[in-house]
Amino acid sequence: MSKFPVVSTGDNVTRQVLADSPELMMVRFDFQAVGAEGALHNHPHVQSTHVETGRFRFSIDGKEFEVGPGDSFVIPSNAVHGAVCLEPGTLLDCFAPRRDDFL
């Protein structure tokens, strides 16, 4: 059980830090509705994303692709990226180093 609260990050999207250390952080993002978005953004952290459930359309530096359960990929440091939910579900993201802004 995570000691961190569930936080709203937008319409029908929540996040919860699951584990963290200065070098690495794991975060769960739940998308509850078709069309819910993880807005385009970038950050200096390397990010690895695993699709636990649902379907999503991702954009990384202008390239779009769809992912579903079991898919995983890496988002390079400073790449502009975002996601649109095609089928409600959960993403598990790891960040290196830790995203202090999530604490």
N, C-alpha and C. Protein backbone atom coordinates (compact mmCIF):
# COMPACT_ATOMS: atom_id res chain seq x y z
N MET A 1 0.84 -1.17 0.00
CA MET A 1 0.00 0.00 0.00
C MET A 1 0.89 1.24 0.00
N SER A 2 0.58 2.19 -0.86
CA SER A 2 1.37 3.41 -0.97
C SER A 2 1.03 4.37 0.16
N LYS A 3 2.05 5.04 0.66
CA LYS A 3 1.85 6.07 1.69
C LYS A 3 1.47 7.41 1.07
N PHE A 4 1.50 7.49 -0.27
CA PHE A 4 1.24 8.74 -0.98
C PHE A 4 -0.24 8.84 -1.37
N PRO A 5 -0.80 10.06 -1.39
CA PRO A 5 -2.21 10.24 -1.74
C PRO A 5 -2.44 10.11 -3.25
N VAL A 6 -3.68 9.83 -3.60
CA VAL A 6 -4.11 9.89 -4.99
C VAL A 6 -4.39 11.36 -5.30
N VAL A 7 -3.82 11.88 -6.41
CA VAL A 7 -3.91 13.28 -6.78
C VAL A 7 -4.55 13.41 -8.16
N SER A 8 -5.50 14.32 -8.31
CA SER A 8 -6.09 14.59 -9.62
C SER A 8 -5.08 15.37 -10.46
N THR A 9 -4.90 14.94 -11.71
CA THR A 9 -3.99 15.65 -12.61
C THR A 9 -4.74 16.26 -13.79
N GLY A 10 -6.06 16.15 -13.79
CA GLY A 10 -6.89 16.67 -14.87
C GLY A 10 -8.22 15.95 -14.87
N ASP A 11 -9.05 16.25 -15.87
CA ASP A 11 -10.35 15.59 -15.96
C ASP A 11 -10.17 14.09 -16.16
N ASN A 12 -10.69 13.31 -15.21
CA ASN A 12 -10.69 11.84 -15.29
C ASN A 12 -9.31 11.21 -15.30
N VAL A 13 -8.32 11.89 -14.70
CA VAL A 13 -6.97 11.34 -14.59
C VAL A 13 -6.46 11.57 -13.16
N THR A 14 -5.93 10.50 -12.55
CA THR A 14 -5.30 10.63 -11.24
C THR A 14 -3.93 9.98 -11.27
N ARG A 15 -3.10 10.38 -10.30
CA ARG A 15 -1.79 9.75 -10.16
C ARG A 15 -1.55 9.44 -8.69
N GLN A 16 -0.72 8.42 -8.47
CA GLN A 16 -0.30 8.08 -7.12
C GLN A 16 1.12 7.57 -7.18
N VAL A 17 2.00 8.21 -6.41
CA VAL A 17 3.37 7.71 -6.28
C VAL A 17 3.29 6.38 -5.55
N LEU A 18 3.94 5.36 -6.11
CA LEU A 18 3.93 4.03 -5.50
C LEU A 18 5.20 3.76 -4.70
N ALA A 19 6.33 4.27 -5.20
CA ALA A 19 7.62 4.05 -4.53
C ALA A 19 8.58 5.12 -5.02
N ASP A 20 9.53 5.50 -4.14
CA ASP A 20 10.50 6.50 -4.58
C ASP A 20 11.80 6.39 -3.81
N SER A 21 12.83 6.82 -4.48
CA SER A 21 14.16 7.04 -3.91
C SER A 21 14.73 8.20 -4.71
N PRO A 22 15.83 8.80 -4.28
CA PRO A 22 16.37 9.91 -5.08
C PRO A 22 16.69 9.54 -6.52
N GLU A 23 17.03 8.28 -6.77
CA GLU A 23 17.45 7.84 -8.11
C GLU A 23 16.30 7.36 -8.99
N LEU A 24 15.16 6.96 -8.39
CA LEU A 24 14.10 6.30 -9.17
C LEU A 24 12.75 6.49 -8.48
N MET A 25 11.69 6.63 -9.29
CA MET A 25 10.33 6.77 -8.76
C MET A 25 9.37 5.97 -9.63
N MET A 26 8.39 5.30 -8.99
CA MET A 26 7.33 4.59 -9.72
C MET A 26 6.00 5.27 -9.39
N VAL A 27 5.20 5.53 -10.45
CA VAL A 27 3.95 6.26 -10.31
C VAL A 27 2.85 5.57 -11.13
N ARG A 28 1.65 5.46 -10.54
CA ARG A 28 0.49 4.91 -11.26
C ARG A 28 -0.39 6.07 -11.71
N PHE A 29 -0.76 6.06 -13.00
CA PHE A 29 -1.71 7.01 -13.56
C PHE A 29 -2.96 6.24 -13.98
N ASP A 30 -4.11 6.64 -13.45
CA ASP A 30 -5.39 6.02 -13.81
C ASP A 30 -6.18 6.97 -14.68
N PHE A 31 -6.59 6.49 -15.86
CA PHE A 31 -7.41 7.25 -16.80
C PHE A 31 -8.80 6.62 -16.77
N GLN A 32 -9.81 7.39 -16.31
CA GLN A 32 -11.13 6.82 -16.08
C GLN A 32 -12.11 6.98 -17.25
N ALA A 33 -11.74 7.70 -18.31
CA ALA A 33 -12.70 7.93 -19.40
C ALA A 33 -11.98 8.06 -20.74
N VAL A 34 -12.67 7.63 -21.79
CA VAL A 34 -12.17 7.82 -23.14
C VAL A 34 -12.00 9.33 -23.36
N GLY A 35 -10.89 9.71 -23.95
CA GLY A 35 -10.62 11.12 -24.22
C GLY A 35 -9.84 11.82 -23.12
N ALA A 36 -9.71 11.19 -21.94
CA ALA A 36 -8.90 11.80 -20.87
C ALA A 36 -7.47 11.96 -21.38
N GLU A 37 -6.83 13.05 -20.98
CA GLU A 37 -5.51 13.36 -21.54
C GLU A 37 -4.44 13.53 -20.49
N GLY A 38 -3.26 13.09 -20.87
CA GLY A 38 -2.03 13.49 -20.22
C GLY A 38 -1.45 14.54 -21.15
N ALA A 39 -1.58 15.81 -20.80
CA ALA A 39 -1.22 16.92 -21.69
C ALA A 39 0.24 16.85 -22.13
N LEU A 40 0.51 17.38 -23.32
CA LEU A 40 1.88 17.45 -23.82
C LEU A 40 2.76 18.22 -22.83
N HIS A 41 3.92 17.66 -22.53
CA HIS A 41 4.85 18.27 -21.59
C HIS A 41 6.23 17.64 -21.80
N ASN A 42 7.21 18.17 -21.11
CA ASN A 42 8.53 17.54 -21.10
C ASN A 42 9.16 17.77 -19.74
N HIS A 43 10.19 17.00 -19.44
CA HIS A 43 10.91 17.09 -18.17
C HIS A 43 12.28 16.47 -18.36
N PRO A 44 13.23 16.78 -17.49
CA PRO A 44 14.59 16.28 -17.66
C PRO A 44 14.76 14.80 -17.30
N HIS A 45 13.74 14.19 -16.73
CA HIS A 45 13.83 12.80 -16.29
C HIS A 45 13.65 11.84 -17.47
N VAL A 46 14.35 10.72 -17.45
CA VAL A 46 14.06 9.62 -18.36
C VAL A 46 12.83 8.92 -17.79
N GLN A 47 11.90 8.54 -18.66
CA GLN A 47 10.64 7.92 -18.21
C GLN A 47 10.44 6.60 -18.93
N SER A 48 10.07 5.58 -18.19
CA SER A 48 9.67 4.31 -18.76
C SER A 48 8.19 4.11 -18.45
N THR A 49 7.40 3.78 -19.46
CA THR A 49 5.95 3.61 -19.28
C THR A 49 5.56 2.18 -19.62
N HIS A 50 4.71 1.60 -18.75
CA HIS A 50 4.15 0.27 -18.97
C HIS A 50 2.63 0.39 -18.92
N VAL A 51 1.96 -0.16 -19.93
CA VAL A 51 0.49 -0.14 -19.97
C VAL A 51 -0.01 -1.37 -19.21
N GLU A 52 -0.61 -1.12 -18.05
CA GLU A 52 -1.17 -2.23 -17.27
C GLU A 52 -2.51 -2.65 -17.85
N THR A 53 -3.39 -1.66 -18.09
CA THR A 53 -4.71 -1.91 -18.69
C THR A 53 -5.07 -0.72 -19.57
N GLY A 54 -6.05 -0.91 -20.46
CA GLY A 54 -6.54 0.17 -21.30
C GLY A 54 -5.77 0.30 -22.61
N ARG A 55 -6.16 1.30 -23.39
CA ARG A 55 -5.49 1.62 -24.66
C ARG A 55 -5.26 3.12 -24.69
N PHE A 56 -4.10 3.51 -25.28
CA PHE A 56 -3.70 4.91 -25.30
C PHE A 56 -3.03 5.26 -26.62
N ARG A 57 -3.19 6.51 -27.04
CA ARG A 57 -2.43 7.05 -28.16
C ARG A 57 -1.41 8.02 -27.56
N PHE A 58 -0.14 7.72 -27.78
CA PHE A 58 0.94 8.55 -27.27
C PHE A 58 1.55 9.37 -28.39
N SER A 59 2.07 10.52 -28.01
CA SER A 59 2.87 11.35 -28.90
C SER A 59 4.20 11.60 -28.20
N ILE A 60 5.29 11.32 -28.92
CA ILE A 60 6.63 11.62 -28.40
C ILE A 60 7.36 12.37 -29.50
N ASP A 61 7.70 13.62 -29.21
CA ASP A 61 8.37 14.49 -30.18
C ASP A 61 7.69 14.46 -31.54
N GLY A 62 6.33 14.51 -31.53
CA GLY A 62 5.55 14.60 -32.76
C GLY A 62 5.22 13.28 -33.43
N LYS A 63 5.77 12.18 -32.93
CA LYS A 63 5.46 10.86 -33.50
C LYS A 63 4.39 10.19 -32.66
N GLU A 64 3.29 9.75 -33.31
CA GLU A 64 2.18 9.14 -32.59
C GLU A 64 2.16 7.64 -32.79
N PHE A 65 1.71 6.92 -31.73
CA PHE A 65 1.57 5.47 -31.78
C PHE A 65 0.56 5.04 -30.73
N GLU A 66 -0.05 3.88 -30.93
CA GLU A 66 -1.02 3.34 -29.98
C GLU A 66 -0.41 2.19 -29.21
N VAL A 67 -0.82 2.09 -27.94
CA VAL A 67 -0.33 1.03 -27.07
C VAL A 67 -1.49 0.44 -26.28
N GLY A 68 -1.30 -0.82 -25.85
CA GLY A 68 -2.30 -1.52 -25.05
C GLY A 68 -1.64 -2.36 -23.98
N PRO A 69 -2.44 -3.17 -23.29
CA PRO A 69 -1.94 -3.95 -22.16
C PRO A 69 -0.66 -4.74 -22.49
N GLY A 70 0.33 -4.58 -21.62
CA GLY A 70 1.60 -5.27 -21.77
C GLY A 70 2.66 -4.51 -22.53
N ASP A 71 2.26 -3.44 -23.22
CA ASP A 71 3.25 -2.64 -23.97
C ASP A 71 4.06 -1.77 -23.01
N SER A 72 5.34 -1.59 -23.35
CA SER A 72 6.23 -0.73 -22.57
C SER A 72 7.15 0.02 -23.52
N PHE A 73 7.58 1.20 -23.10
CA PHE A 73 8.49 2.00 -23.93
C PHE A 73 9.19 3.02 -23.04
N VAL A 74 10.23 3.64 -23.59
CA VAL A 74 11.01 4.64 -22.87
C VAL A 74 10.84 5.99 -23.55
N ILE A 75 10.69 7.02 -22.74
CA ILE A 75 10.60 8.40 -23.22
C ILE A 75 11.90 9.09 -22.81
N PRO A 76 12.68 9.56 -23.79
CA PRO A 76 13.96 10.19 -23.46
C PRO A 76 13.81 11.48 -22.67
N SER A 77 14.85 11.85 -21.99
CA SER A 77 14.91 13.11 -21.27
C SER A 77 14.58 14.27 -22.20
N ASN A 78 13.73 15.17 -21.74
CA ASN A 78 13.32 16.39 -22.43
C ASN A 78 12.46 16.20 -23.67
N ALA A 79 12.07 14.97 -24.02
CA ALA A 79 11.19 14.75 -25.17
C ALA A 79 9.79 15.28 -24.83
N VAL A 80 9.17 15.99 -25.77
CA VAL A 80 7.79 16.47 -25.58
C VAL A 80 6.86 15.29 -25.81
N HIS A 81 6.04 14.98 -24.80
CA HIS A 81 5.18 13.80 -24.89
C HIS A 81 3.85 14.01 -24.19
N GLY A 82 2.88 13.20 -24.56
CA GLY A 82 1.56 13.24 -23.95
C GLY A 82 0.78 12.02 -24.40
N ALA A 83 -0.42 11.84 -23.82
CA ALA A 83 -1.23 10.66 -24.12
C ALA A 83 -2.71 11.03 -24.13
N VAL A 84 -3.46 10.28 -24.95
CA VAL A 84 -4.92 10.37 -24.96
C VAL A 84 -5.44 8.98 -24.70
N CYS A 85 -6.40 8.88 -23.79
CA CYS A 85 -6.99 7.59 -23.44
C CYS A 85 -8.00 7.16 -24.51
N LEU A 86 -7.79 5.97 -25.05
CA LEU A 86 -8.71 5.39 -26.04
C LEU A 86 -9.65 4.39 -25.38
N GLU A 87 -9.20 3.81 -24.27
CA GLU A 87 -9.99 2.86 -23.48
C GLU A 87 -9.49 3.01 -22.04
N PRO A 88 -10.38 3.27 -21.07
CA PRO A 88 -9.93 3.53 -19.70
C PRO A 88 -8.94 2.47 -19.20
N GLY A 89 -7.95 2.95 -18.44
CA GLY A 89 -6.94 2.02 -17.95
C GLY A 89 -5.89 2.70 -17.10
N THR A 90 -4.80 1.95 -16.88
CA THR A 90 -3.75 2.35 -15.96
C THR A 90 -2.38 2.28 -16.62
N LEU A 91 -1.59 3.33 -16.42
CA LEU A 91 -0.19 3.36 -16.84
C LEU A 91 0.69 3.34 -15.60
N LEU A 92 1.77 2.58 -15.66
CA LEU A 92 2.78 2.58 -14.62
C LEU A 92 4.02 3.24 -15.19
N ASP A 93 4.43 4.35 -14.59
CA ASP A 93 5.58 5.12 -15.08
C ASP A 93 6.70 5.06 -14.06
N CYS A 94 7.93 4.92 -14.56
CA CYS A 94 9.12 5.04 -13.73
C CYS A 94 9.92 6.23 -14.23
N PHE A 95 10.45 7.00 -13.29
CA PHE A 95 11.22 8.20 -13.62
C PHE A 95 12.59 8.11 -12.97
N ALA A 96 13.62 8.44 -13.74
CA ALA A 96 14.99 8.50 -13.21
C ALA A 96 15.59 9.83 -13.61
N PRO A 97 16.05 10.63 -12.64
CA PRO A 97 15.87 10.43 -11.21
C PRO A 97 14.43 10.71 -10.80
N ARG A 98 14.16 10.66 -9.51
CA ARG A 98 12.84 10.90 -8.94
C ARG A 98 12.30 12.27 -9.36
N ARG A 99 10.97 12.35 -9.56
CA ARG A 99 10.29 13.62 -9.84
C ARG A 99 9.91 14.26 -8.51
N ASP A 100 10.75 15.12 -8.02
CA ASP A 100 10.50 15.78 -6.74
C ASP A 100 9.21 16.60 -6.78
N ASP A 101 8.79 17.07 -7.97
CA ASP A 101 7.57 17.85 -8.08
C ASP A 101 6.32 17.00 -7.78
N PHE A 102 6.44 15.67 -7.77
CA PHE A 102 5.32 14.80 -7.45
C PHE A 102 5.20 14.54 -5.95
N LEU A 103 6.19 14.95 -5.17
CA LEU A 103 6.18 14.68 -3.73
C LEU A 103 5.46 15.77 -2.96
